[in-house]
Amino acid sequence: LSVGEFRRLAEVAMTDIWQRGKVAF
């Protein structure tokens, strides 16, 4: 898993968390 792919997956996770009104840690 490249760092670039990690960043992409992290951004997907953050978007999901924010859309549900939560805080991303």
mmCIF file of all heavy atoms, coordinates in Angstrom:
data_MODEL
# 
_entry.id   MODEL 
# 
loop_
_atom_site.group_PDB 
_atom_site.id 
_atom_site.type_symbol 
_atom_site.label_atom_id 
_atom_site.label_alt_id 
_atom_site.label_comp_id 
_atom_site.label_asym_id 
_atom_site.label_entity_id 
_atom_site.label_seq_id 
_atom_site.pdbx_PDB_ins_code 
_atom_site.Cartn_x 
_atom_site.Cartn_y 
_atom_site.Cartn_z 
_atom_site.occupancy 
_atom_site.B_iso_or_equiv 
_atom_site.pdbx_formal_charge 
_atom_site.auth_seq_id 
_atom_site.auth_comp_id 
_atom_site.auth_asym_id 
_atom_site.auth_atom_id 
_atom_site.pdbx_PDB_model_num 
ATOM 1   N N   . LEU A 1 1  ? 0.859   -1.179 0.000  1.00 0.00 ? 1  LEU A N   1 
ATOM 2   C CA  . LEU A 1 1  ? 0.000   0.000  0.000  1.00 0.00 ? 1  LEU A CA  1 
ATOM 3   C C   . LEU A 1 1  ? 0.896   1.229  0.000  1.00 0.00 ? 1  LEU A C   1 
ATOM 4   O O   . LEU A 1 1  ? 1.637   1.466  0.945  1.00 0.00 ? 1  LEU A O   1 
ATOM 5   C CB  . LEU A 1 1  ? -0.907  0.013  1.241  1.00 0.00 ? 1  LEU A CB  1 
ATOM 6   C CG  . LEU A 1 1  ? -1.946  1.138  1.277  1.00 0.00 ? 1  LEU A CG  1 
ATOM 7   C CD1 . LEU A 1 1  ? -3.102  0.804  0.329  1.00 0.00 ? 1  LEU A CD1 1 
ATOM 8   C CD2 . LEU A 1 1  ? -2.484  1.346  2.687  1.00 0.00 ? 1  LEU A CD2 1 
ATOM 9   N N   . SER A 1 2  ? 0.821   2.019  -1.058 1.00 0.00 ? 2  SER A N   1 
ATOM 10  C CA  . SER A 1 2  ? 1.658   3.209  -1.160 1.00 0.00 ? 2  SER A CA  1 
ATOM 11  C C   . SER A 1 2  ? 1.124   4.312  -0.250 1.00 0.00 ? 2  SER A C   1 
ATOM 12  O O   . SER A 1 2  ? -0.038  4.290  0.173  1.00 0.00 ? 2  SER A O   1 
ATOM 13  C CB  . SER A 1 2  ? 1.690   3.716  -2.603 1.00 0.00 ? 2  SER A CB  1 
ATOM 14  O OG  . SER A 1 2  ? 0.419   4.242  -2.963 1.00 0.00 ? 2  SER A OG  1 
ATOM 15  N N   . VAL A 1 3  ? 1.973   5.288  0.024  1.00 0.00 ? 3  VAL A N   1 
ATOM 16  C CA  . VAL A 1 3  ? 1.541   6.427  0.834  1.00 0.00 ? 3  VAL A CA  1 
ATOM 17  C C   . VAL A 1 3  ? 0.438   7.189  0.111  1.00 0.00 ? 3  VAL A C   1 
ATOM 18  O O   . VAL A 1 3  ? -0.524  7.660  0.728  1.00 0.00 ? 3  VAL A O   1 
ATOM 19  C CB  . VAL A 1 3  ? 2.725   7.363  1.148  1.00 0.00 ? 3  VAL A CB  1 
ATOM 20  C CG1 . VAL A 1 3  ? 2.263   8.569  1.958  1.00 0.00 ? 3  VAL A CG1 1 
ATOM 21  C CG2 . VAL A 1 3  ? 3.817   6.621  1.896  1.00 0.00 ? 3  VAL A CG2 1 
ATOM 22  N N   . GLY A 1 4  ? 0.560   7.295  -1.208 1.00 0.00 ? 4  GLY A N   1 
ATOM 23  C CA  . GLY A 1 4  ? -0.472  7.973  -1.981 1.00 0.00 ? 4  GLY A CA  1 
ATOM 24  C C   . GLY A 1 4  ? -1.814  7.275  -1.871 1.00 0.00 ? 4  GLY A C   1 
ATOM 25  O O   . GLY A 1 4  ? -2.861  7.930  -1.749 1.00 0.00 ? 4  GLY A O   1 
ATOM 26  N N   . GLU A 1 5  ? -1.812  5.952  -1.886 1.00 0.00 ? 5  GLU A N   1 
ATOM 27  C CA  . GLU A 1 5  ? -3.051  5.204  -1.746 1.00 0.00 ? 5  GLU A CA  1 
ATOM 28  C C   . GLU A 1 5  ? -3.605  5.344  -0.332 1.00 0.00 ? 5  GLU A C   1 
ATOM 29  O O   . GLU A 1 5  ? -4.815  5.446  -0.130 1.00 0.00 ? 5  GLU A O   1 
ATOM 30  C CB  . GLU A 1 5  ? -2.814  3.725  -2.085 1.00 0.00 ? 5  GLU A CB  1 
ATOM 31  C CG  . GLU A 1 5  ? -4.046  2.835  -1.976 1.00 0.00 ? 5  GLU A CG  1 
ATOM 32  C CD  . GLU A 1 5  ? -5.151  3.162  -2.970 1.00 0.00 ? 5  GLU A CD  1 
ATOM 33  O OE1 . GLU A 1 5  ? -4.922  4.005  -3.873 1.00 0.00 ? 5  GLU A OE1 1 
ATOM 34  O OE2 . GLU A 1 5  ? -6.251  2.592  -2.845 1.00 0.00 ? 5  GLU A OE2 1 
ATOM 35  N N   . PHE A 1 6  ? -2.699  5.366  0.660  1.00 0.00 ? 6  PHE A N   1 
ATOM 36  C CA  . PHE A 1 6  ? -3.163  5.585  2.030  1.00 0.00 ? 6  PHE A CA  1 
ATOM 37  C C   . PHE A 1 6  ? -3.881  6.928  2.123  1.00 0.00 ? 6  PHE A C   1 
ATOM 38  O O   . PHE A 1 6  ? -4.951  7.029  2.723  1.00 0.00 ? 6  PHE A O   1 
ATOM 39  C CB  . PHE A 1 6  ? -2.008  5.557  3.027  1.00 0.00 ? 6  PHE A CB  1 
ATOM 40  C CG  . PHE A 1 6  ? -2.425  5.993  4.403  1.00 0.00 ? 6  PHE A CG  1 
ATOM 41  C CD1 . PHE A 1 6  ? -3.025  5.103  5.268  1.00 0.00 ? 6  PHE A CD1 1 
ATOM 42  C CD2 . PHE A 1 6  ? -2.280  7.320  4.810  1.00 0.00 ? 6  PHE A CD2 1 
ATOM 43  C CE1 . PHE A 1 6  ? -3.469  5.508  6.521  1.00 0.00 ? 6  PHE A CE1 1 
ATOM 44  C CE2 . PHE A 1 6  ? -2.709  7.741  6.056  1.00 0.00 ? 6  PHE A CE2 1 
ATOM 45  C CZ  . PHE A 1 6  ? -3.304  6.832  6.913  1.00 0.00 ? 6  PHE A CZ  1 
ATOM 46  N N   . ARG A 1 7  ? -3.278  7.961  1.543  1.00 0.00 ? 7  ARG A N   1 
ATOM 47  C CA  . ARG A 1 7  ? -3.898  9.288  1.612  1.00 0.00 ? 7  ARG A CA  1 
ATOM 48  C C   . ARG A 1 7  ? -5.288  9.267  0.982  1.00 0.00 ? 7  ARG A C   1 
ATOM 49  O O   . ARG A 1 7  ? -6.240  9.836  1.520  1.00 0.00 ? 7  ARG A O   1 
ATOM 50  C CB  . ARG A 1 7  ? -3.022  10.327 0.912  1.00 0.00 ? 7  ARG A CB  1 
ATOM 51  C CG  . ARG A 1 7  ? -3.620  11.716 1.019  1.00 0.00 ? 7  ARG A CG  1 
ATOM 52  C CD  . ARG A 1 7  ? -3.057  12.710 0.028  1.00 0.00 ? 7  ARG A CD  1 
ATOM 53  N NE  . ARG A 1 7  ? -3.992  13.823 -0.098 1.00 0.00 ? 7  ARG A NE  1 
ATOM 54  C CZ  . ARG A 1 7  ? -3.939  14.740 -1.037 1.00 0.00 ? 7  ARG A CZ  1 
ATOM 55  N NH1 . ARG A 1 7  ? -2.983  14.705 -1.933 1.00 0.00 ? 7  ARG A NH1 1 
ATOM 56  N NH2 . ARG A 1 7  ? -4.823  15.703 -1.085 1.00 0.00 ? 7  ARG A NH2 1 
ATOM 57  N N   . ARG A 1 8  ? -5.423  8.590  -0.142 1.00 0.00 ? 8  ARG A N   1 
ATOM 58  C CA  . ARG A 1 8  ? -6.732  8.522  -0.812 1.00 0.00 ? 8  ARG A CA  1 
ATOM 59  C C   . ARG A 1 8  ? -7.761  7.840  0.087  1.00 0.00 ? 8  ARG A C   1 
ATOM 60  O O   . ARG A 1 8  ? -8.891  8.327  0.247  1.00 0.00 ? 8  ARG A O   1 
ATOM 61  C CB  . ARG A 1 8  ? -6.606  7.770  -2.138 1.00 0.00 ? 8  ARG A CB  1 
ATOM 62  C CG  . ARG A 1 8  ? -7.884  7.795  -2.987 1.00 0.00 ? 8  ARG A CG  1 
ATOM 63  C CD  . ARG A 1 8  ? -7.807  6.841  -4.152 1.00 0.00 ? 8  ARG A CD  1 
ATOM 64  N NE  . ARG A 1 8  ? -7.830  5.454  -3.721 1.00 0.00 ? 8  ARG A NE  1 
ATOM 65  C CZ  . ARG A 1 8  ? -8.943  4.805  -3.345 1.00 0.00 ? 8  ARG A CZ  1 
ATOM 66  N NH1 . ARG A 1 8  ? -10.111 5.443  -3.333 1.00 0.00 ? 8  ARG A NH1 1 
ATOM 67  N NH2 . ARG A 1 8  ? -8.890  3.549  -2.980 1.00 0.00 ? 8  ARG A NH2 1 
ATOM 68  N N   . LEU A 1 9  ? -7.376  6.726  0.697  1.00 0.00 ? 9  LEU A N   1 
ATOM 69  C CA  . LEU A 1 9  ? -8.298  5.996  1.571  1.00 0.00 ? 9  LEU A CA  1 
ATOM 70  C C   . LEU A 1 9  ? -8.651  6.826  2.808  1.00 0.00 ? 9  LEU A C   1 
ATOM 71  O O   . LEU A 1 9  ? -9.787  6.801  3.287  1.00 0.00 ? 9  LEU A O   1 
ATOM 72  C CB  . LEU A 1 9  ? -7.672  4.667  1.991  1.00 0.00 ? 9  LEU A CB  1 
ATOM 73  C CG  . LEU A 1 9  ? -7.487  3.631  0.880  1.00 0.00 ? 9  LEU A CG  1 
ATOM 74  C CD1 . LEU A 1 9  ? -6.721  2.425  1.405  1.00 0.00 ? 9  LEU A CD1 1 
ATOM 75  C CD2 . LEU A 1 9  ? -8.830  3.200  0.300  1.00 0.00 ? 9  LEU A CD2 1 
ATOM 76  N N   . ALA A 1 10 ? -7.662  7.547  3.338  1.00 0.00 ? 10 ALA A N   1 
ATOM 77  C CA  . ALA A 1 10 ? -7.909  8.393  4.502  1.00 0.00 ? 10 ALA A CA  1 
ATOM 78  C C   . ALA A 1 10 ? -8.904  9.503  4.160  1.00 0.00 ? 10 ALA A C   1 
ATOM 79  O O   . ALA A 1 10 ? -9.788  9.832  4.969  1.00 0.00 ? 10 ALA A O   1 
ATOM 80  C CB  . ALA A 1 10 ? -6.604  8.989  5.018  1.00 0.00 ? 10 ALA A CB  1 
ATOM 81  N N   . GLU A 1 11 ? -8.782  10.072 2.968  1.00 0.00 ? 11 GLU A N   1 
ATOM 82  C CA  . GLU A 1 11 ? -9.700  11.136 2.574  1.00 0.00 ? 11 GLU A CA  1 
ATOM 83  C C   . GLU A 1 11 ? -11.119 10.610 2.415  1.00 0.00 ? 11 GLU A C   1 
ATOM 84  O O   . GLU A 1 11 ? -12.088 11.287 2.763  1.00 0.00 ? 11 GLU A O   1 
ATOM 85  C CB  . GLU A 1 11 ? -9.210  11.781 1.273  1.00 0.00 ? 11 GLU A CB  1 
ATOM 86  C CG  . GLU A 1 11 ? -7.954  12.626 1.476  1.00 0.00 ? 11 GLU A CG  1 
ATOM 87  C CD  . GLU A 1 11 ? -7.427  13.209 0.179  1.00 0.00 ? 11 GLU A CD  1 
ATOM 88  O OE1 . GLU A 1 11 ? -7.762  12.661 -0.897 1.00 0.00 ? 11 GLU A OE1 1 
ATOM 89  O OE2 . GLU A 1 11 ? -6.690  14.193 0.232  1.00 0.00 ? 11 GLU A OE2 1 
ATOM 90  N N   . VAL A 1 12 ? -11.254 9.384  1.910  1.00 0.00 ? 12 VAL A N   1 
ATOM 91  C CA  . VAL A 1 12 ? -12.585 8.760  1.803  1.00 0.00 ? 12 VAL A CA  1 
ATOM 92  C C   . VAL A 1 12 ? -13.173 8.579  3.194  1.00 0.00 ? 12 VAL A C   1 
ATOM 93  O O   . VAL A 1 12 ? -14.356 8.877  3.433  1.00 0.00 ? 12 VAL A O   1 
ATOM 94  C CB  . VAL A 1 12 ? -12.493 7.406  1.068  1.00 0.00 ? 12 VAL A CB  1 
ATOM 95  C CG1 . VAL A 1 12 ? -13.808 6.648  1.175  1.00 0.00 ? 12 VAL A CG1 1 
ATOM 96  C CG2 . VAL A 1 12 ? -12.115 7.609  -0.392 1.00 0.00 ? 12 VAL A CG2 1 
ATOM 97  N N   . ALA A 1 13 ? -12.352 8.091  4.124  1.00 0.00 ? 13 ALA A N   1 
ATOM 98  C CA  . ALA A 1 13 ? -12.815 7.875  5.498  1.00 0.00 ? 13 ALA A CA  1 
ATOM 99  C C   . ALA A 1 13 ? -13.201 9.192  6.165  1.00 0.00 ? 13 ALA A C   1 
ATOM 100 O O   . ALA A 1 13 ? -14.232 9.283  6.844  1.00 0.00 ? 13 ALA A O   1 
ATOM 101 C CB  . ALA A 1 13 ? -11.734 7.164  6.308  1.00 0.00 ? 13 ALA A CB  1 
ATOM 102 N N   . MET A 1 14 ? -12.393 10.241 5.979  1.00 0.00 ? 14 MET A N   1 
ATOM 103 C CA  . MET A 1 14 ? -12.696 11.533 6.586  1.00 0.00 ? 14 MET A CA  1 
ATOM 104 C C   . MET A 1 14 ? -14.015 12.095 6.058  1.00 0.00 ? 14 MET A C   1 
ATOM 105 O O   . MET A 1 14 ? -14.835 12.608 6.834  1.00 0.00 ? 14 MET A O   1 
ATOM 106 C CB  . MET A 1 14 ? -11.556 12.525 6.318  1.00 0.00 ? 14 MET A CB  1 
ATOM 107 C CG  . MET A 1 14 ? -10.299 12.224 7.108  1.00 0.00 ? 14 MET A CG  1 
ATOM 108 S SD  . MET A 1 14 ? -9.023  13.519 6.976  1.00 0.00 ? 14 MET A SD  1 
ATOM 109 C CE  . MET A 1 14 ? -8.653  13.489 5.232  1.00 0.00 ? 14 MET A CE  1 
ATOM 110 N N   . THR A 1 15 ? -14.217 11.993 4.761  1.00 0.00 ? 15 THR A N   1 
ATOM 111 C CA  . THR A 1 15 ? -15.466 12.486 4.167  1.00 0.00 ? 15 THR A CA  1 
ATOM 112 C C   . THR A 1 15 ? -16.659 11.767 4.768  1.00 0.00 ? 15 THR A C   1 
ATOM 113 O O   . THR A 1 15 ? -17.683 12.391 5.103  1.00 0.00 ? 15 THR A O   1 
ATOM 114 C CB  . THR A 1 15 ? -15.437 12.305 2.639  1.00 0.00 ? 15 THR A CB  1 
ATOM 115 O OG1 . THR A 1 15 ? -14.346 13.045 2.088  1.00 0.00 ? 15 THR A OG1 1 
ATOM 116 C CG2 . THR A 1 15 ? -16.740 12.790 2.018  1.00 0.00 ? 15 THR A CG2 1 
ATOM 117 N N   . ASP A 1 16 ? -16.544 10.466 4.910  1.00 0.00 ? 16 ASP A N   1 
ATOM 118 C CA  . ASP A 1 16 ? -17.625 9.675  5.497  1.00 0.00 ? 16 ASP A CA  1 
ATOM 119 C C   . ASP A 1 16 ? -17.904 10.113 6.937  1.00 0.00 ? 16 ASP A C   1 
ATOM 120 O O   . ASP A 1 16 ? -19.057 10.291 7.339  1.00 0.00 ? 16 ASP A O   1 
ATOM 121 C CB  . ASP A 1 16 ? -17.246 8.190  5.461  1.00 0.00 ? 16 ASP A CB  1 
ATOM 122 C CG  . ASP A 1 16 ? -18.231 7.317  6.207  1.00 0.00 ? 16 ASP A CG  1 
ATOM 123 O OD1 . ASP A 1 16 ? -19.441 7.390  5.924  1.00 0.00 ? 16 ASP A OD1 1 
ATOM 124 O OD2 . ASP A 1 16 ? -17.801 6.564  7.108  1.00 0.00 ? 16 ASP A OD2 1 
ATOM 125 N N   . ILE A 1 17 ? -16.842 10.312 7.703  1.00 0.00 ? 17 ILE A N   1 
ATOM 126 C CA  . ILE A 1 17 ? -16.987 10.727 9.109  1.00 0.00 ? 17 ILE A CA  1 
ATOM 127 C C   . ILE A 1 17 ? -17.651 12.099 9.203  1.00 0.00 ? 17 ILE A C   1 
ATOM 128 O O   . ILE A 1 17 ? -18.579 12.310 9.988  1.00 0.00 ? 17 ILE A O   1 
ATOM 129 C CB  . ILE A 1 17 ? -15.601 10.738 9.794  1.00 0.00 ? 17 ILE A CB  1 
ATOM 130 C CG1 . ILE A 1 17 ? -15.069 9.309  9.939  1.00 0.00 ? 17 ILE A CG1 1 
ATOM 131 C CG2 . ILE A 1 17 ? -15.670 11.413 11.162 1.00 0.00 ? 17 ILE A CG2 1 
ATOM 132 C CD1 . ILE A 1 17 ? -13.607 9.227  10.326 1.00 0.00 ? 17 ILE A CD1 1 
ATOM 133 N N   . TRP A 1 18 ? -17.192 13.041 8.395  1.00 0.00 ? 18 TRP A N   1 
ATOM 134 C CA  . TRP A 1 18 ? -17.743 14.405 8.428  1.00 0.00 ? 18 TRP A CA  1 
ATOM 135 C C   . TRP A 1 18 ? -19.205 14.440 7.988  1.00 0.00 ? 18 TRP A C   1 
ATOM 136 O O   . TRP A 1 18 ? -20.009 15.199 8.533  1.00 0.00 ? 18 TRP A O   1 
ATOM 137 C CB  . TRP A 1 18 ? -16.913 15.325 7.555  1.00 0.00 ? 18 TRP A CB  1 
ATOM 138 C CG  . TRP A 1 18 ? -15.530 15.565 8.095  1.00 0.00 ? 18 TRP A CG  1 
ATOM 139 C CD1 . TRP A 1 18 ? -15.158 15.591 9.406  1.00 0.00 ? 18 TRP A CD1 1 
ATOM 140 C CD2 . TRP A 1 18 ? -14.354 15.829 7.330  1.00 0.00 ? 18 TRP A CD2 1 
ATOM 141 N NE1 . TRP A 1 18 ? -13.801 15.838 9.502  1.00 0.00 ? 18 TRP A NE1 1 
ATOM 142 C CE2 . TRP A 1 18 ? -13.287 15.995 8.242  1.00 0.00 ? 18 TRP A CE2 1 
ATOM 143 C CE3 . TRP A 1 18 ? -14.090 15.932 5.965  1.00 0.00 ? 18 TRP A CE3 1 
ATOM 144 C CZ2 . TRP A 1 18 ? -11.987 16.259 7.827  1.00 0.00 ? 18 TRP A CZ2 1 
ATOM 145 C CZ3 . TRP A 1 18 ? -12.791 16.198 5.546  1.00 0.00 ? 18 TRP A CZ3 1 
ATOM 146 C CH2 . TRP A 1 18 ? -11.754 16.359 6.471  1.00 0.00 ? 18 TRP A CH2 1 
ATOM 147 N N   . GLN A 1 19 ? -19.548 13.625 6.982  1.00 0.00 ? 19 GLN A N   1 
ATOM 148 C CA  . GLN A 1 19 ? -20.928 13.618 6.494  1.00 0.00 ? 19 GLN A CA  1 
ATOM 149 C C   . GLN A 1 19 ? -21.897 13.148 7.567  1.00 0.00 ? 19 GLN A C   1 
ATOM 150 O O   . GLN A 1 19 ? -23.082 13.470 7.526  1.00 0.00 ? 19 GLN A O   1 
ATOM 151 C CB  . GLN A 1 19 ? -21.043 12.733 5.249  1.00 0.00 ? 19 GLN A CB  1 
ATOM 152 C CG  . GLN A 1 19 ? -20.447 13.360 4.001  1.00 0.00 ? 19 GLN A CG  1 
ATOM 153 C CD  . GLN A 1 19 ? -20.508 12.448 2.792  1.00 0.00 ? 19 GLN A CD  1 
ATOM 154 O OE1 . GLN A 1 19 ? -20.682 11.228 2.922  1.00 0.00 ? 19 GLN A OE1 1 
ATOM 155 N NE2 . GLN A 1 19 ? -20.356 13.026 1.607  1.00 0.00 ? 19 GLN A NE2 1 
ATOM 156 N N   . ARG A 1 20 ? -21.389 12.383 8.527  1.00 0.00 ? 20 ARG A N   1 
ATOM 157 C CA  . ARG A 1 20 ? -22.228 11.916 9.632  1.00 0.00 ? 20 ARG A CA  1 
ATOM 158 C C   . ARG A 1 20 ? -22.116 12.821 10.855 1.00 0.00 ? 20 ARG A C   1 
ATOM 159 O O   . ARG A 1 20 ? -22.546 12.456 11.947 1.00 0.00 ? 20 ARG A O   1 
ATOM 160 C CB  . ARG A 1 20 ? -21.867 10.465 9.975  1.00 0.00 ? 20 ARG A CB  1 
ATOM 161 C CG  . ARG A 1 20 ? -22.322 9.483  8.900  1.00 0.00 ? 20 ARG A CG  1 
ATOM 162 C CD  . ARG A 1 20 ? -22.030 8.044  9.239  1.00 0.00 ? 20 ARG A CD  1 
ATOM 163 N NE  . ARG A 1 20 ? -20.617 7.716  9.055  1.00 0.00 ? 20 ARG A NE  1 
ATOM 164 C CZ  . ARG A 1 20 ? -19.755 7.524  10.035 1.00 0.00 ? 20 ARG A CZ  1 
ATOM 165 N NH1 . ARG A 1 20 ? -20.151 7.637  11.289 1.00 0.00 ? 20 ARG A NH1 1 
ATOM 166 N NH2 . ARG A 1 20 ? -18.497 7.216  9.787  1.00 0.00 ? 20 ARG A NH2 1 
ATOM 167 N N   . GLY A 1 21 ? -21.517 13.998 10.659 1.00 0.00 ? 21 GLY A N   1 
ATOM 168 C CA  . GLY A 1 21 ? -21.465 14.992 11.714 1.00 0.00 ? 21 GLY A CA  1 
ATOM 169 C C   . GLY A 1 21 ? -20.502 14.669 12.836 1.00 0.00 ? 21 GLY A C   1 
ATOM 170 O O   . GLY A 1 21 ? -20.652 15.163 13.961 1.00 0.00 ? 21 GLY A O   1 
ATOM 171 N N   . LYS A 1 22 ? -19.470 13.890 12.534 1.00 0.00 ? 22 LYS A N   1 
ATOM 172 C CA  . LYS A 1 22 ? -18.520 13.494 13.565 1.00 0.00 ? 22 LYS A CA  1 
ATOM 173 C C   . LYS A 1 22 ? -17.150 14.130 13.334 1.00 0.00 ? 22 LYS A C   1 
ATOM 174 O O   . LYS A 1 22 ? -16.897 14.749 12.298 1.00 0.00 ? 22 LYS A O   1 
ATOM 175 C CB  . LYS A 1 22 ? -18.411 11.971 13.615 1.00 0.00 ? 22 LYS A CB  1 
ATOM 176 C CG  . LYS A 1 22 ? -19.710 11.292 14.047 1.00 0.00 ? 22 LYS A CG  1 
ATOM 177 C CD  . LYS A 1 22 ? -19.469 9.851  14.448 1.00 0.00 ? 22 LYS A CD  1 
ATOM 178 C CE  . LYS A 1 22 ? -20.708 9.249  15.082 1.00 0.00 ? 22 LYS A CE  1 
ATOM 179 N NZ  . LYS A 1 22 ? -20.423 7.916  15.650 1.00 0.00 ? 22 LYS A NZ  1 
ATOM 180 N N   . VAL A 1 23 ? -16.269 13.936 14.319 1.00 0.00 ? 23 VAL A N   1 
ATOM 181 C CA  . VAL A 1 23 ? -14.913 14.493 14.267 1.00 0.00 ? 23 VAL A CA  1 
ATOM 182 C C   . VAL A 1 23 ? -13.946 13.389 13.847 1.00 0.00 ? 23 VAL A C   1 
ATOM 183 O O   . VAL A 1 23 ? -13.988 12.270 14.386 1.00 0.00 ? 23 VAL A O   1 
ATOM 184 C CB  . VAL A 1 23 ? -14.496 15.054 15.643 1.00 0.00 ? 23 VAL A CB  1 
ATOM 185 C CG1 . VAL A 1 23 ? -13.061 15.581 15.594 1.00 0.00 ? 23 VAL A CG1 1 
ATOM 186 C CG2 . VAL A 1 23 ? -15.457 16.149 16.079 1.00 0.00 ? 23 VAL A CG2 1 
ATOM 187 N N   . ALA A 1 24 ? -13.073 13.685 12.889 1.00 0.00 ? 24 ALA A N   1 
ATOM 188 C CA  . ALA A 1 24 ? -12.077 12.712 12.426 1.00 0.00 ? 24 ALA A CA  1 
ATOM 189 C C   . ALA A 1 24 ? -10.793 12.841 13.250 1.00 0.00 ? 24 ALA A C   1 
ATOM 190 O O   . ALA A 1 24 ? -10.245 13.938 13.370 1.00 0.00 ? 24 ALA A O   1 
ATOM 191 C CB  . ALA A 1 24 ? -11.770 12.931 10.948 1.00 0.00 ? 24 ALA A CB  1 
ATOM 192 N N   . PHE A 1 25 ? -10.352 11.722 13.816 1.00 0.00 ? 25 PHE A N   1 
ATOM 193 C CA  . PHE A 1 25 ? -9.090  11.669 14.550 1.00 0.00 ? 25 PHE A CA  1 
ATOM 194 C C   . PHE A 1 25 ? -8.113  10.813 13.740 1.00 0.00 ? 25 PHE A C   1 
ATOM 195 O O   . PHE A 1 25 ? -8.349  9.619  13.542 1.00 0.00 ? 25 PHE A O   1 
ATOM 196 C CB  . PHE A 1 25 ? -9.291  11.047 15.934 1.00 0.00 ? 25 PHE A CB  1 
ATOM 197 C CG  . PHE A 1 25 ? -9.930  11.963 16.936 1.00 0.00 ? 25 PHE A CG  1 
ATOM 198 C CD1 . PHE A 1 25 ? -11.310 12.148 16.943 1.00 0.00 ? 25 PHE A CD1 1 
ATOM 199 C CD2 . PHE A 1 25 ? -9.161  12.654 17.868 1.00 0.00 ? 25 PHE A CD2 1 
ATOM 200 C CE1 . PHE A 1 25 ? -11.910 12.996 17.869 1.00 0.00 ? 25 PHE A CE1 1 
ATOM 201 C CE2 . PHE A 1 25 ? -9.752  13.510 18.788 1.00 0.00 ? 25 PHE A CE2 1 
ATOM 202 C CZ  . PHE A 1 25 ? -11.126 13.677 18.785 1.00 0.00 ? 25 PHE A CZ  1 
# 
